Protein backbone atom coordinates (compact mmCIF):
# COMPACT_ATOMS: atom_id res chain seq x y z
CA MET A 1 85.02 -65.56 10.37
CA SER A 2 82.48 -62.74 10.61
CA ARG A 3 82.20 -60.74 13.77
CA LEU A 4 78.87 -59.81 15.33
CA PRO A 5 78.17 -56.10 15.61
CA ASP A 6 78.58 -54.36 18.93
CA THR A 7 75.09 -54.30 20.45
CA GLU A 8 75.85 -52.28 23.58
CA ASN A 9 75.16 -48.95 21.86
CA LEU A 10 72.08 -50.02 19.90
CA MET A 11 68.62 -48.92 20.92
CA VAL A 12 65.19 -49.88 19.67
CA LEU A 13 63.42 -47.04 17.93
CA PRO A 14 59.65 -47.07 17.46
CA ARG A 15 58.39 -47.57 13.93
CA ALA A 16 56.62 -44.63 12.33
CA ASP A 17 53.30 -46.52 12.26
CA ASP A 18 53.42 -47.41 15.96
CA GLU A 19 50.76 -45.60 17.91
CA PRO A 20 51.70 -44.30 21.35
CA THR A 21 50.26 -46.22 24.25
CA PRO A 22 47.14 -44.42 25.40
CA THR A 23 47.24 -43.23 28.95
CA PRO A 24 44.35 -44.50 31.04
CA PRO A 25 41.88 -41.89 32.23
CA GLU A 26 42.30 -40.71 35.77
CA ASP A 27 40.18 -42.65 38.22
CA ASP A 28 39.66 -42.65 41.94
CA GLY A 29 41.59 -45.90 42.37
CA GLU A 30 38.46 -48.05 42.39
CA GLU A 31 39.06 -49.37 38.85
CA GLN A 32 42.66 -50.29 39.68
CA ARG A 33 41.49 -52.00 42.86
CA GLN A 34 38.87 -53.96 40.91
CA ARG A 35 41.50 -55.06 38.33
CA GLU A 36 43.74 -56.29 41.14
CA ILE A 37 40.86 -58.19 42.75
CA ASP A 38 39.99 -59.80 39.40
CA GLU A 39 43.62 -60.85 38.89
CA ILE A 40 43.71 -62.39 42.38
CA ARG A 41 40.48 -64.29 41.66
CA ARG A 42 41.92 -65.63 38.38
CA THR A 43 45.08 -66.73 40.19
CA ILE A 44 43.09 -68.50 42.91
CA LYS A 45 40.99 -70.23 40.25
CA ARG A 46 44.13 -71.41 38.40
CA PHE A 47 45.64 -72.84 41.57
CA GLY A 48 42.33 -74.50 42.38
CA TYR A 49 42.35 -76.29 39.04
CA LEU A 50 46.00 -77.20 39.53
CA SER A 51 45.42 -78.71 42.97
CA LEU A 52 42.42 -80.65 41.63
CA ALA A 53 44.59 -82.08 38.84
CA VAL A 54 47.30 -83.04 41.35
CA ARG A 55 44.76 -84.79 43.57
CA GLN A 56 43.37 -86.73 40.60
CA ALA A 57 46.88 -87.76 39.55
CA ASP A 58 47.62 -89.36 42.96
């Protein structure tokens, strides 16, 4: 029976062709705030569609 290798000491190394994640430009916080607002709006919209589907299923 073959034994699986010990994975505790393994680590994932980036491939040579992987590009580093670009760092976002510094902003005054307004862009981050707008992204958060947009995410909240998308979440509200999703729950709105979900509640509509639940009401139609009743």
